[in-house]
């Protein structure tokens, strides 16, 4: 299943680039979020986008996505950057 999702991701990237003519972060991050959710959902996880959280220093940050369980336990963070 994951190989199929990865092929879909690359096809979606190609399609987005053809229509937008762009390869910047904002244009492509929807396709990546779709890929991560496809891989996470069979494990009962969800990519929650743009949620504010406190880091270990007490600062409020807003990563592009958080991989989270239904019990609101965070398994990972996603922050994309342009090259």
Foldseek 3Di string as FASTA:
>chain_A
DLVVLVVVLVVVQVVLCVVPVDDWDVSRVVSVQVSVQVVQVVVQWHWDAQDWDADPVRDIDTARTFTAHPVGDTDDTHHDHGD
